[in-house]
Structures are given as structure tokens and as C-alpha cells.
Amino acid sequence: MASQNNRRRWWLGAACGLVVLLVGSAGVAWGLGWFERPEDPRVIEIGEMMQGMLERERQRQGPGTFFTAVERVAGIGAIALKASVLPENLRPRIMELGFDVMMQHMGDRADLYFALKTAEEREQFLDQELSQMDFMRSAFEAAGQPGGDRGERPEGPRGMRGSQERQNRFIKWVIDRTSPAERARLEEFITVIERRMDATGRARR
């Protein structure tokens, strides 16, 4: 019995020693930068600007207008200006934040679409979404971006997300962060948008 108690005390002592060692090692690793460091303040600021644009869009009531599109384009321009002066090592993080905000926005629009009960309501919703895309294109052109092609904008359905490399990164980002069911739902939403684009004679970009 005494031998068994001694073994228990030994294991308890060893376990406590291991915990102390791990905690101490973690502190050293943190000091040496082995763990992720806090987000750069410039990245935080840009992320907050992106999230602010998303929240304003969520609060918007009714269909978009040219003026709401101009406001969004101005916000995108301000974000792009701040991102353009960041060092190269921070820019991939900005792109990830942009992907995240875009996915939240697309998820919001999909939720609104699928919540509608009748085919007429859904068609009207799609037409409003496409009108907003038209307004955005016009607003970009008014801001000196012909055709609304900014290159750096990972925005919109297939064919509207910039370069092939950026599109591949976006696809990987989505796969890593969504379930198959979520991707299927989003794909269905994008498909109905594209079908409505074709039906109304809008060119895909």
C-alpha cells in the first residue's frame, strides 16, 4: 500500500512539474515570437473600416441607389488607399479580411433571398440586386475606374473576382472556412443571380 501511495505521489509530482515546465516554455515561446503576435494596428483600422461598410449595408432599407453606390465606392477607395501603403507582409492579411467581409455580405443577401416565399418576390429581389450592381459599375466609372474594374476587388459572382490567382486564393479561403452545405447554398444563390443576369441581358464580368 505504501509503495502504491509513493507511486501516486511521484506521478502527481511529475504531472505538476510538467505543467510548470509547459507554462514556462510557453512564456519563453511567446517572448521569442513563436506564437502569433497581436494584429498590426493598421490592419485593425482597415478591418474596422471594412466592417463598418458591411454594417451600413445591413442597415440599408429598400433597394440601392446610385448615391448609395457612390458612398460604397468612396469607402472602398479609402480602404484601398490605406492598404496601398502597407508593407507587403501585411497585404495578404488585408485580402483575407476583405474575403471575410465579402462572404458575410453575400451570406446576408442569400439569407434575404431564401427567406422570400414566392417566385415573384425572389425575382424582384434579384432585380434589385442587379440594379445595385449596375449602380456600382456606374459609380466606379464616375470615380475614374472604367467599367468598374478595380482589379483589387474580390467582389461578385464567378468571373467578377479579379485575376485567376486571386480567384484561386478566394476559392481556397472559402473551402477552408465553410461547410459543404454552406458552399452549396451560396453556389445556388450565385447561380440564380447569373441566370437573372442572362435573362435581363446583362454581361457577366
N, C-alpha and C. Protein backbone atom coordinates (compact mmCIF):
# COMPACT_ATOMS: atom_id res chain seq x y z
N MET A 1 0.84 -1.20 0.00
CA MET A 1 0.00 0.00 0.00
C MET A 1 0.87 1.25 0.00
N ALA A 2 1.94 1.23 0.87
CA ALA A 2 2.83 2.38 0.94
C ALA A 2 3.51 2.61 -0.41
N SER A 3 3.89 1.48 -1.04
CA SER A 3 4.54 1.59 -2.35
C SER A 3 3.59 2.21 -3.37
N GLN A 4 2.28 1.82 -3.32
CA GLN A 4 1.30 2.37 -4.26
C GLN A 4 1.11 3.86 -4.02
N ASN A 5 1.05 4.28 -2.74
CA ASN A 5 0.90 5.70 -2.44
C ASN A 5 2.11 6.49 -2.91
N ASN A 6 3.29 5.89 -2.74
CA ASN A 6 4.50 6.57 -3.21
C ASN A 6 4.46 6.79 -4.71
N ARG A 7 3.99 5.76 -5.46
CA ARG A 7 3.91 5.89 -6.91
C ARG A 7 2.92 6.98 -7.29
N ARG A 8 1.78 7.05 -6.56
CA ARG A 8 0.80 8.09 -6.85
C ARG A 8 1.39 9.47 -6.64
N ARG A 9 2.14 9.63 -5.48
CA ARG A 9 2.74 10.93 -5.20
C ARG A 9 3.78 11.28 -6.27
N TRP A 10 4.48 10.26 -6.73
CA TRP A 10 5.50 10.50 -7.76
C TRP A 10 4.86 10.98 -9.05
N TRP A 11 3.76 10.30 -9.48
CA TRP A 11 3.08 10.70 -10.71
C TRP A 11 2.47 12.09 -10.58
N LEU A 12 1.89 12.40 -9.38
CA LEU A 12 1.32 13.72 -9.17
C LEU A 12 2.41 14.79 -9.23
N GLY A 13 3.52 14.52 -8.61
CA GLY A 13 4.62 15.47 -8.65
C GLY A 13 5.16 15.66 -10.05
N ALA A 14 5.25 14.55 -10.79
CA ALA A 14 5.75 14.64 -12.16
C ALA A 14 4.79 15.44 -13.04
N ALA A 15 3.47 15.21 -12.83
CA ALA A 15 2.48 15.94 -13.61
C ALA A 15 2.54 17.43 -13.31
N CYS A 16 2.66 17.78 -12.01
CA CYS A 16 2.77 19.20 -11.66
C CYS A 16 4.02 19.81 -12.24
N GLY A 17 5.10 19.07 -12.20
CA GLY A 17 6.35 19.57 -12.78
C GLY A 17 6.23 19.79 -14.28
N LEU A 18 5.51 18.89 -14.96
CA LEU A 18 5.33 19.02 -16.40
C LEU A 18 4.51 20.26 -16.73
N VAL A 19 3.45 20.50 -15.92
CA VAL A 19 2.63 21.70 -16.14
C VAL A 19 3.47 22.95 -15.99
N VAL A 20 4.28 23.00 -14.91
CA VAL A 20 5.15 24.17 -14.69
C VAL A 20 6.11 24.34 -15.86
N LEU A 21 6.68 23.25 -16.34
CA LEU A 21 7.61 23.31 -17.46
C LEU A 21 6.93 23.83 -18.71
N LEU A 22 5.70 23.33 -18.99
CA LEU A 22 4.98 23.76 -20.18
C LEU A 22 4.62 25.24 -20.12
N VAL A 23 4.14 25.67 -18.93
CA VAL A 23 3.78 27.08 -18.79
C VAL A 23 5.01 27.96 -18.96
N GLY A 24 6.11 27.55 -18.35
CA GLY A 24 7.33 28.32 -18.51
C GLY A 24 7.81 28.35 -19.94
N SER A 25 7.74 27.21 -20.62
CA SER A 25 8.15 27.15 -22.02
C SER A 25 7.25 28.02 -22.89
N ALA A 26 5.95 28.03 -22.58
CA ALA A 26 5.02 28.85 -23.36
C ALA A 26 5.37 30.32 -23.23
N GLY A 27 5.75 30.73 -22.01
CA GLY A 27 6.14 32.12 -21.82
C GLY A 27 7.37 32.47 -22.63
N VAL A 28 8.36 31.58 -22.65
CA VAL A 28 9.56 31.82 -23.45
C VAL A 28 9.21 31.87 -24.93
N ALA A 29 8.36 30.93 -25.38
CA ALA A 29 7.97 30.89 -26.80
C ALA A 29 7.25 32.17 -27.20
N TRP A 30 6.37 32.67 -26.32
CA TRP A 30 5.67 33.92 -26.62
C TRP A 30 6.67 35.07 -26.75
N GLY A 31 7.63 35.10 -25.82
CA GLY A 31 8.62 36.17 -25.88
C GLY A 31 9.47 36.12 -27.13
N LEU A 32 9.74 34.92 -27.61
CA LEU A 32 10.55 34.76 -28.81
C LEU A 32 9.75 34.93 -30.08
N GLY A 33 8.42 35.09 -29.96
CA GLY A 33 7.60 35.31 -31.15
C GLY A 33 7.17 34.03 -31.85
N TRP A 34 7.23 32.87 -31.14
CA TRP A 34 6.83 31.62 -31.78
C TRP A 34 5.32 31.55 -31.94
N PHE A 35 4.57 32.21 -31.06
CA PHE A 35 3.13 32.25 -31.18
C PHE A 35 2.73 33.50 -31.95
N GLU A 36 1.49 33.51 -32.42
CA GLU A 36 1.01 34.63 -33.21
C GLU A 36 1.02 35.92 -32.39
N ARG A 37 1.57 36.97 -32.97
CA ARG A 37 1.63 38.25 -32.29
C ARG A 37 0.31 39.01 -32.49
N PRO A 38 0.08 40.05 -31.68
CA PRO A 38 -1.15 40.83 -31.84
C PRO A 38 -1.24 41.44 -33.24
N GLU A 39 -2.48 41.67 -33.70
CA GLU A 39 -2.72 42.24 -35.02
C GLU A 39 -2.11 43.64 -35.11
N ASP A 40 -1.53 43.95 -36.27
CA ASP A 40 -0.96 45.27 -36.51
C ASP A 40 -2.07 46.32 -36.43
N PRO A 41 -1.86 47.45 -35.76
CA PRO A 41 -2.91 48.48 -35.64
C PRO A 41 -3.44 48.96 -36.98
N ARG A 42 -2.57 49.01 -37.99
CA ARG A 42 -3.02 49.45 -39.31
C ARG A 42 -3.99 48.44 -39.92
N VAL A 43 -3.74 47.17 -39.68
CA VAL A 43 -4.65 46.13 -40.16
C VAL A 43 -5.98 46.21 -39.42
N ILE A 44 -5.91 46.43 -38.11
CA ILE A 44 -7.14 46.57 -37.32
C ILE A 44 -7.99 47.72 -37.84
N GLU A 45 -7.34 48.86 -38.14
CA GLU A 45 -8.08 50.03 -38.63
C GLU A 45 -8.78 49.71 -39.95
N ILE A 46 -8.08 49.09 -40.87
CA ILE A 46 -8.68 48.76 -42.16
C ILE A 46 -9.80 47.75 -41.99
N GLY A 47 -9.59 46.76 -41.12
CA GLY A 47 -10.64 45.78 -40.85
C GLY A 47 -11.88 46.44 -40.29
N GLU A 48 -11.71 47.42 -39.41
CA GLU A 48 -12.86 48.14 -38.85
C GLU A 48 -13.57 48.96 -39.92
N MET A 49 -12.82 49.52 -40.85
CA MET A 49 -13.44 50.26 -41.95
C MET A 49 -14.27 49.33 -42.82
N MET A 50 -13.74 48.14 -43.12
CA MET A 50 -14.49 47.16 -43.91
C MET A 50 -15.76 46.74 -43.19
N GLN A 51 -15.63 46.45 -41.91
CA GLN A 51 -16.79 46.00 -41.15
C GLN A 51 -17.83 47.12 -41.04
N GLY A 52 -17.36 48.36 -40.95
CA GLY A 52 -18.28 49.48 -40.91
C GLY A 52 -19.10 49.59 -42.18
N MET A 53 -18.45 49.38 -43.33
CA MET A 53 -19.18 49.39 -44.60
C MET A 53 -20.23 48.29 -44.63
N LEU A 54 -19.87 47.11 -44.12
CA LEU A 54 -20.81 46.00 -44.10
C LEU A 54 -22.01 46.32 -43.22
N GLU A 55 -21.77 46.91 -42.04
CA GLU A 55 -22.87 47.22 -41.13
C GLU A 55 -23.79 48.28 -41.73
N ARG A 56 -23.23 49.25 -42.44
CA ARG A 56 -24.09 50.25 -43.08
C ARG A 56 -24.96 49.62 -44.16
N GLU A 57 -24.39 48.65 -44.86
CA GLU A 57 -25.16 47.96 -45.89
C GLU A 57 -26.28 47.13 -45.25
N ARG A 58 -26.00 46.54 -44.10
CA ARG A 58 -27.02 45.75 -43.41
C ARG A 58 -28.18 46.62 -42.93
N GLN A 59 -27.88 47.87 -42.59
CA GLN A 59 -28.91 48.77 -42.08
C GLN A 59 -29.71 49.44 -43.20
N ARG A 60 -29.22 49.33 -44.43
CA ARG A 60 -29.91 49.98 -45.54
C ARG A 60 -31.27 49.34 -45.75
N GLN A 61 -32.29 50.18 -45.92
CA GLN A 61 -33.63 49.70 -46.17
C GLN A 61 -34.01 49.99 -47.62
N GLY A 62 -34.64 49.03 -48.27
CA GLY A 62 -35.07 49.23 -49.64
C GLY A 62 -33.94 49.04 -50.64
N PRO A 63 -34.26 49.18 -51.92
CA PRO A 63 -33.25 48.96 -52.96
C PRO A 63 -32.17 50.03 -52.94
N GLY A 64 -31.00 49.68 -53.44
CA GLY A 64 -29.90 50.63 -53.52
C GLY A 64 -30.15 51.66 -54.60
N THR A 65 -29.39 52.75 -54.51
CA THR A 65 -29.48 53.82 -55.49
C THR A 65 -28.07 54.15 -55.97
N PHE A 66 -28.00 55.04 -56.95
CA PHE A 66 -26.69 55.48 -57.41
C PHE A 66 -25.92 56.15 -56.28
N PHE A 67 -26.62 56.89 -55.43
CA PHE A 67 -25.95 57.60 -54.34
C PHE A 67 -25.41 56.64 -53.28
N THR A 68 -26.14 55.55 -52.98
CA THR A 68 -25.60 54.57 -52.04
C THR A 68 -24.39 53.86 -52.67
N ALA A 69 -24.42 53.69 -53.99
CA ALA A 69 -23.28 53.08 -54.67
C ALA A 69 -22.06 53.99 -54.62
N VAL A 70 -22.27 55.29 -54.81
CA VAL A 70 -21.17 56.25 -54.72
C VAL A 70 -20.55 56.22 -53.33
N GLU A 71 -21.39 56.11 -52.31
CA GLU A 71 -20.89 56.03 -50.93
C GLU A 71 -20.03 54.79 -50.74
N ARG A 72 -20.48 53.67 -51.28
CA ARG A 72 -19.71 52.43 -51.15
C ARG A 72 -18.39 52.53 -51.91
N VAL A 73 -18.43 53.10 -53.10
CA VAL A 73 -17.20 53.24 -53.89
C VAL A 73 -16.21 54.14 -53.17
N ALA A 74 -16.70 55.22 -52.56
CA ALA A 74 -15.82 56.11 -51.80
C ALA A 74 -15.18 55.36 -50.63
N GLY A 75 -15.99 54.53 -49.96
CA GLY A 75 -15.45 53.73 -48.85
C GLY A 75 -14.40 52.73 -49.31
N ILE A 76 -14.67 52.08 -50.44
CA ILE A 76 -13.70 51.13 -51.00
C ILE A 76 -12.41 51.85 -51.38
N GLY A 77 -12.55 53.06 -51.94
CA GLY A 77 -11.37 53.83 -52.31
C GLY A 77 -10.53 54.21 -51.11
N ALA A 78 -11.19 54.59 -50.01
CA ALA A 78 -10.46 54.95 -48.79
C ALA A 78 -9.72 53.75 -48.22
N ILE A 79 -10.36 52.59 -48.26
CA ILE A 79 -9.71 51.37 -47.78
C ILE A 79 -8.52 51.01 -48.67
N ALA A 80 -8.73 51.10 -49.99
CA ALA A 80 -7.65 50.76 -50.92
C ALA A 80 -6.46 51.68 -50.74
N LEU A 81 -6.72 52.96 -50.46
CA LEU A 81 -5.63 53.91 -50.26
C LEU A 81 -4.80 53.55 -49.04
N LYS A 82 -5.46 53.19 -47.95
CA LYS A 82 -4.73 52.81 -46.74
C LYS A 82 -3.98 51.49 -46.95
N ALA A 83 -4.61 50.56 -47.67
CA ALA A 83 -3.96 49.27 -47.90
C ALA A 83 -2.75 49.41 -48.82
N SER A 84 -2.77 50.39 -49.71
CA SER A 84 -1.69 50.53 -50.70
C SER A 84 -0.36 50.93 -50.07
N VAL A 85 -0.40 51.51 -48.88
CA VAL A 85 0.84 51.95 -48.24
C VAL A 85 1.34 50.95 -47.20
N LEU A 86 0.64 49.84 -47.04
CA LEU A 86 1.08 48.82 -46.10
C LEU A 86 2.28 48.06 -46.65
N PRO A 87 3.14 47.55 -45.79
CA PRO A 87 4.22 46.68 -46.26
C PRO A 87 3.67 45.39 -46.86
N GLU A 88 4.44 44.78 -47.72
CA GLU A 88 3.98 43.59 -48.44
C GLU A 88 3.53 42.48 -47.52
N ASN A 89 4.18 42.32 -46.37
CA ASN A 89 3.85 41.19 -45.50
C ASN A 89 2.49 41.32 -44.85
N LEU A 90 1.90 42.53 -44.85
CA LEU A 90 0.58 42.71 -44.25
C LEU A 90 -0.55 42.63 -45.27
N ARG A 91 -0.25 42.73 -46.54
CA ARG A 91 -1.30 42.78 -47.55
C ARG A 91 -2.11 41.49 -47.66
N PRO A 92 -1.49 40.31 -47.54
CA PRO A 92 -2.31 39.09 -47.56
C PRO A 92 -3.36 39.07 -46.45
N ARG A 93 -3.03 39.64 -45.30
CA ARG A 93 -3.99 39.69 -44.20
C ARG A 93 -5.17 40.60 -44.56
N ILE A 94 -4.89 41.71 -45.25
CA ILE A 94 -5.96 42.61 -45.69
C ILE A 94 -6.87 41.88 -46.67
N MET A 95 -6.26 41.10 -47.57
CA MET A 95 -7.07 40.35 -48.53
C MET A 95 -7.97 39.35 -47.81
N GLU A 96 -7.45 38.70 -46.77
CA GLU A 96 -8.27 37.76 -46.00
C GLU A 96 -9.45 38.48 -45.34
N LEU A 97 -9.20 39.66 -44.79
CA LEU A 97 -10.27 40.43 -44.18
C LEU A 97 -11.32 40.81 -45.22
N GLY A 98 -10.84 41.18 -46.42
CA GLY A 98 -11.77 41.52 -47.50
C GLY A 98 -12.62 40.33 -47.90
N PHE A 99 -11.97 39.15 -48.00
CA PHE A 99 -12.73 37.93 -48.31
C PHE A 99 -13.81 37.69 -47.26
N ASP A 100 -13.44 37.86 -45.99
CA ASP A 100 -14.37 37.59 -44.90
C ASP A 100 -15.58 38.52 -44.96
N VAL A 101 -15.33 39.81 -45.18
CA VAL A 101 -16.43 40.77 -45.25
C VAL A 101 -17.31 40.48 -46.46
N MET A 102 -16.68 40.13 -47.58
CA MET A 102 -17.45 39.84 -48.77
C MET A 102 -18.34 38.61 -48.55
N MET A 103 -17.79 37.59 -47.89
CA MET A 103 -18.59 36.39 -47.62
C MET A 103 -19.75 36.69 -46.68
N GLN A 104 -19.51 37.56 -45.69
CA GLN A 104 -20.60 37.95 -44.81
C GLN A 104 -21.69 38.66 -45.60
N HIS A 105 -21.27 39.56 -46.49
CA HIS A 105 -22.24 40.31 -47.30
C HIS A 105 -23.05 39.36 -48.20
N MET A 106 -22.35 38.45 -48.87
CA MET A 106 -23.05 37.52 -49.75
C MET A 106 -23.96 36.60 -48.95
N GLY A 107 -23.51 36.22 -47.76
CA GLY A 107 -24.37 35.40 -46.89
C GLY A 107 -25.62 36.15 -46.48
N ASP A 108 -25.46 37.45 -46.17
CA ASP A 108 -26.62 38.27 -45.82
C ASP A 108 -27.62 38.31 -46.96
N ARG A 109 -27.11 38.54 -48.18
CA ARG A 109 -28.02 38.65 -49.32
C ARG A 109 -28.70 37.31 -49.61
N ALA A 110 -27.95 36.22 -49.46
CA ALA A 110 -28.53 34.90 -49.68
C ALA A 110 -29.63 34.62 -48.65
N ASP A 111 -29.39 35.01 -47.39
CA ASP A 111 -30.40 34.80 -46.34
C ASP A 111 -31.69 35.53 -46.70
N LEU A 112 -31.54 36.78 -47.16
CA LEU A 112 -32.73 37.55 -47.52
C LEU A 112 -33.47 36.91 -48.70
N TYR A 113 -32.70 36.43 -49.66
CA TYR A 113 -33.32 35.82 -50.85
C TYR A 113 -34.08 34.55 -50.48
N PHE A 114 -33.45 33.65 -49.77
CA PHE A 114 -34.08 32.37 -49.46
C PHE A 114 -35.22 32.51 -48.44
N ALA A 115 -35.26 33.64 -47.73
CA ALA A 115 -36.37 33.86 -46.79
C ALA A 115 -37.65 34.26 -47.50
N LEU A 116 -37.52 34.69 -48.76
CA LEU A 116 -38.72 35.09 -49.52
C LEU A 116 -39.48 33.84 -49.95
N LYS A 117 -40.81 33.93 -49.94
CA LYS A 117 -41.64 32.75 -50.14
C LYS A 117 -42.08 32.54 -51.59
N THR A 118 -42.31 33.62 -52.31
CA THR A 118 -42.87 33.46 -53.65
C THR A 118 -41.83 33.73 -54.73
N ALA A 119 -42.06 33.15 -55.90
CA ALA A 119 -41.16 33.36 -57.03
C ALA A 119 -41.13 34.83 -57.45
N GLU A 120 -42.27 35.49 -57.34
CA GLU A 120 -42.34 36.91 -57.70
C GLU A 120 -41.47 37.76 -56.76
N GLU A 121 -41.53 37.48 -55.47
CA GLU A 121 -40.72 38.23 -54.50
C GLU A 121 -39.23 37.99 -54.75
N ARG A 122 -38.87 36.77 -55.05
CA ARG A 122 -37.47 36.45 -55.28
C ARG A 122 -36.96 37.12 -56.56
N GLU A 123 -37.79 37.14 -57.59
CA GLU A 123 -37.39 37.78 -58.83
C GLU A 123 -37.20 39.28 -58.63
N GLN A 124 -38.09 39.88 -57.87
CA GLN A 124 -37.96 41.31 -57.57
C GLN A 124 -36.68 41.58 -56.78
N PHE A 125 -36.37 40.71 -55.84
CA PHE A 125 -35.15 40.87 -55.05
C PHE A 125 -33.92 40.79 -55.96
N LEU A 126 -33.89 39.81 -56.86
CA LEU A 126 -32.76 39.67 -57.78
C LEU A 126 -32.61 40.90 -58.66
N ASP A 127 -33.71 41.43 -59.13
CA ASP A 127 -33.66 42.63 -59.97
C ASP A 127 -33.08 43.81 -59.19
N GLN A 128 -33.42 43.91 -57.92
CA GLN A 128 -32.86 44.98 -57.09
C GLN A 128 -31.35 44.78 -56.91
N GLU A 129 -30.94 43.53 -56.72
CA GLU A 129 -29.51 43.26 -56.57
C GLU A 129 -28.76 43.62 -57.85
N LEU A 130 -29.33 43.28 -58.99
CA LEU A 130 -28.66 43.57 -60.26
C LEU A 130 -28.65 45.07 -60.53
N SER A 131 -29.70 45.76 -60.13
CA SER A 131 -29.70 47.22 -60.27
C SER A 131 -28.59 47.84 -59.43
N GLN A 132 -28.37 47.29 -58.23
CA GLN A 132 -27.29 47.79 -57.39
C GLN A 132 -25.94 47.54 -58.04
N MET A 133 -25.78 46.39 -58.69
CA MET A 133 -24.53 46.12 -59.42
C MET A 133 -24.33 47.14 -60.53
N ASP A 134 -25.42 47.48 -61.24
CA ASP A 134 -25.34 48.49 -62.29
C ASP A 134 -24.94 49.84 -61.71
N PHE A 135 -25.54 50.20 -60.57
CA PHE A 135 -25.18 51.46 -59.92
C PHE A 135 -23.70 51.46 -59.51
N MET A 136 -23.24 50.32 -58.99
CA MET A 136 -21.83 50.23 -58.59
C MET A 136 -20.91 50.41 -59.78
N ARG A 137 -21.26 49.79 -60.88
CA ARG A 137 -20.44 49.93 -62.08
C ARG A 137 -20.39 51.40 -62.53
N SER A 138 -21.54 52.06 -62.52
CA SER A 138 -21.59 53.46 -62.90
C SER A 138 -20.79 54.33 -61.93
N ALA A 139 -20.87 54.00 -60.63
CA ALA A 139 -20.14 54.77 -59.62
C ALA A 139 -18.64 54.60 -59.79
N PHE A 140 -18.20 53.40 -60.10
CA PHE A 140 -16.77 53.19 -60.34
C PHE A 140 -16.31 53.95 -61.57
N GLU A 141 -17.13 53.95 -62.62
CA GLU A 141 -16.79 54.69 -63.82
C GLU A 141 -16.72 56.18 -63.53
N ALA A 142 -17.65 56.68 -62.72
CA ALA A 142 -17.64 58.09 -62.34
C ALA A 142 -16.40 58.44 -61.52
N ALA A 143 -15.87 57.44 -60.79
CA ALA A 143 -14.67 57.66 -59.98
C ALA A 143 -13.39 57.43 -60.79
N GLY A 144 -13.53 57.18 -62.09
CA GLY A 144 -12.36 57.01 -62.93
C GLY A 144 -11.88 55.60 -63.08
N GLN A 145 -12.77 54.64 -62.81
CA GLN A 145 -12.45 53.22 -62.97
C GLN A 145 -13.32 52.67 -64.09
N PRO A 146 -12.83 52.67 -65.33
CA PRO A 146 -13.67 52.24 -66.46
C PRO A 146 -14.29 50.87 -66.26
N GLY A 147 -15.59 50.80 -66.45
CA GLY A 147 -16.28 49.51 -66.36
C GLY A 147 -16.38 48.96 -64.97
N GLY A 148 -15.91 49.74 -63.98
CA GLY A 148 -15.97 49.25 -62.60
C GLY A 148 -14.95 48.18 -62.33
N ASP A 149 -13.90 48.06 -63.17
CA ASP A 149 -12.91 47.00 -62.98
C ASP A 149 -11.75 47.54 -62.18
N ARG A 150 -11.73 47.22 -60.88
CA ARG A 150 -10.68 47.71 -60.00
C ARG A 150 -9.56 46.71 -59.80
N GLY A 151 -9.73 45.51 -60.28
CA GLY A 151 -8.64 44.55 -60.15
C GLY A 151 -8.47 44.03 -58.73
N GLU A 152 -8.35 44.95 -57.76
CA GLU A 152 -8.08 44.54 -56.39
C GLU A 152 -9.34 44.15 -55.64
N ARG A 153 -10.51 44.25 -56.26
CA ARG A 153 -11.76 43.96 -55.57
C ARG A 153 -12.15 42.50 -55.72
N PRO A 154 -12.06 41.69 -54.67
CA PRO A 154 -12.56 40.30 -54.76
C PRO A 154 -14.06 40.30 -54.60
N GLU A 155 -14.79 40.82 -55.59
CA GLU A 155 -16.22 41.05 -55.39
C GLU A 155 -17.04 40.35 -56.45
N GLY A 156 -18.20 39.85 -56.06
CA GLY A 156 -19.19 39.39 -57.01
C GLY A 156 -19.09 37.93 -57.34
N PRO A 157 -20.03 37.45 -58.17
CA PRO A 157 -20.06 36.05 -58.57
C PRO A 157 -18.89 35.66 -59.46
N ARG A 158 -18.92 34.44 -59.93
CA ARG A 158 -17.84 33.93 -60.77
C ARG A 158 -17.58 34.89 -61.93
N GLY A 159 -16.28 35.05 -62.26
CA GLY A 159 -15.92 35.92 -63.35
C GLY A 159 -15.83 37.38 -62.95
N MET A 160 -16.12 37.69 -61.67
CA MET A 160 -16.11 39.08 -61.22
C MET A 160 -15.15 39.25 -60.05
N ARG A 161 -14.13 38.37 -59.94
CA ARG A 161 -13.29 38.40 -58.76
C ARG A 161 -11.84 38.72 -59.09
N GLY A 162 -11.56 39.36 -60.22
CA GLY A 162 -10.20 39.77 -60.48
C GLY A 162 -9.37 38.69 -61.16
N SER A 163 -8.09 38.66 -60.83
CA SER A 163 -7.16 37.77 -61.50
C SER A 163 -7.41 36.31 -61.15
N GLN A 164 -6.84 35.42 -61.98
CA GLN A 164 -7.02 33.99 -61.72
C GLN A 164 -6.36 33.59 -60.41
N GLU A 165 -5.20 34.17 -60.12
CA GLU A 165 -4.52 33.86 -58.86
C GLU A 165 -5.38 34.27 -57.67
N ARG A 166 -5.96 35.46 -57.75
CA ARG A 166 -6.81 35.94 -56.65
C ARG A 166 -8.06 35.07 -56.53
N GLN A 167 -8.60 34.66 -57.67
CA GLN A 167 -9.79 33.81 -57.63
C GLN A 167 -9.46 32.47 -56.98
N ASN A 168 -8.29 31.91 -57.31
CA ASN A 168 -7.88 30.65 -56.69
C ASN A 168 -7.71 30.79 -55.18
N ARG A 169 -7.14 31.90 -54.75
CA ARG A 169 -6.96 32.13 -53.32
C ARG A 169 -8.32 32.27 -52.63
N PHE A 170 -9.24 32.94 -53.31
CA PHE A 170 -10.58 33.10 -52.74
C PHE A 170 -11.26 31.75 -52.59
N ILE A 171 -11.16 30.91 -53.64
CA ILE A 171 -11.80 29.60 -53.60
C ILE A 171 -11.24 28.77 -52.44
N LYS A 172 -9.92 28.78 -52.28
CA LYS A 172 -9.30 28.04 -51.18
C LYS A 172 -9.75 28.60 -49.84
N TRP A 173 -9.81 29.91 -49.74
CA TRP A 173 -10.24 30.55 -48.50
C TRP A 173 -11.66 30.10 -48.14
N VAL A 174 -12.54 30.08 -49.14
CA VAL A 174 -13.93 29.67 -48.90
C VAL A 174 -14.00 28.22 -48.46
N ILE A 175 -13.28 27.34 -49.14
CA ILE A 175 -13.31 25.91 -48.82
C ILE A 175 -12.82 25.67 -47.40
N ASP A 176 -11.77 26.41 -46.99
CA ASP A 176 -11.21 26.22 -45.66
C ASP A 176 -12.14 26.68 -44.55
N ARG A 177 -13.09 27.56 -44.86
CA ARG A 177 -13.87 28.20 -43.81
C ARG A 177 -15.37 27.94 -43.88
N THR A 178 -15.80 27.12 -44.79
CA THR A 178 -17.23 26.84 -44.92
C THR A 178 -17.47 25.34 -45.03
N SER A 179 -18.69 24.96 -44.68
CA SER A 179 -19.08 23.56 -44.80
C SER A 179 -19.59 23.30 -46.21
N PRO A 180 -19.66 22.04 -46.64
CA PRO A 180 -20.23 21.74 -47.97
C PRO A 180 -21.64 22.28 -48.14
N ALA A 181 -22.46 22.21 -47.06
CA ALA A 181 -23.83 22.72 -47.15
C ALA A 181 -23.85 24.23 -47.37
N GLU A 182 -22.97 24.94 -46.68
CA GLU A 182 -22.90 26.40 -46.85
C GLU A 182 -22.44 26.77 -48.25
N ARG A 183 -21.48 26.02 -48.76
CA ARG A 183 -21.00 26.31 -50.12
C ARG A 183 -22.08 26.02 -51.15
N ALA A 184 -22.83 24.94 -50.95
CA ALA A 184 -23.90 24.60 -51.89
C ALA A 184 -24.97 25.68 -51.89
N ARG A 185 -25.30 26.21 -50.73
CA ARG A 185 -26.31 27.26 -50.64
C ARG A 185 -25.84 28.52 -51.34
N LEU A 186 -24.58 28.88 -51.11
CA LEU A 186 -24.03 30.07 -51.75
C LEU A 186 -23.95 29.89 -53.26
N GLU A 187 -23.56 28.69 -53.68
CA GLU A 187 -23.49 28.40 -55.11
C GLU A 187 -24.87 28.52 -55.76
N GLU A 188 -25.89 28.05 -55.06
CA GLU A 188 -27.24 28.16 -55.59
C GLU A 188 -27.64 29.63 -55.74
N PHE A 189 -27.30 30.44 -54.75
CA PHE A 189 -27.63 31.86 -54.82
C PHE A 189 -26.91 32.54 -55.98
N ILE A 190 -25.62 32.25 -56.15
CA ILE A 190 -24.86 32.83 -57.26
C ILE A 190 -25.45 32.38 -58.60
N THR A 191 -25.87 31.13 -58.67
CA THR A 191 -26.44 30.60 -59.91
C THR A 191 -27.71 31.34 -60.30
N VAL A 192 -28.60 31.61 -59.33
CA VAL A 192 -29.84 32.30 -59.68
C VAL A 192 -29.56 33.74 -60.08
N ILE A 193 -28.53 34.34 -59.49
CA ILE A 193 -28.15 35.69 -59.91
C ILE A 193 -27.68 35.68 -61.35
N GLU A 194 -26.82 34.70 -61.68
CA GLU A 194 -26.29 34.63 -63.04
C GLU A 194 -27.39 34.35 -64.06
N ARG A 195 -28.32 33.51 -63.69
CA ARG A 195 -29.44 33.23 -64.59
C ARG A 195 -30.27 34.48 -64.84
N ARG A 196 -30.46 35.27 -63.78
CA ARG A 196 -31.23 36.51 -63.95
C ARG A 196 -30.42 37.52 -64.77
N MET A 197 -29.12 37.52 -64.61
CA MET A 197 -28.27 38.38 -65.44
C MET A 197 -28.45 38.03 -66.91
N ASP A 198 -28.42 36.73 -67.20
CA ASP A 198 -28.61 36.29 -68.59
C ASP A 198 -30.00 36.66 -69.10
N ALA A 199 -31.00 36.49 -68.25
CA ALA A 199 -32.39 36.76 -68.67
C ALA A 199 -32.63 38.22 -68.94
N THR A 200 -31.87 39.10 -68.25
CA THR A 200 -32.07 40.54 -68.42
C THR A 200 -31.03 41.17 -69.34
N GLY A 201 -30.22 40.31 -69.99
CA GLY A 201 -29.27 40.81 -70.97
C GLY A 201 -28.07 41.50 -70.39
N ARG A 202 -27.71 41.20 -69.15
CA ARG A 202 -26.52 41.78 -68.54
C ARG A 202 -25.32 40.89 -68.79
N ALA A 203 -24.21 41.51 -69.16
CA ALA A 203 -22.99 40.75 -69.40
C ALA A 203 -22.32 40.41 -68.06
N ARG A 204 -21.82 39.18 -67.94
CA ARG A 204 -21.06 38.79 -66.75
C ARG A 204 -19.64 39.31 -66.88
N ARG A 205 -19.03 39.70 -65.72
CA ARG A 205 -17.66 40.20 -65.75
C ARG A 205 -16.79 39.36 -64.86
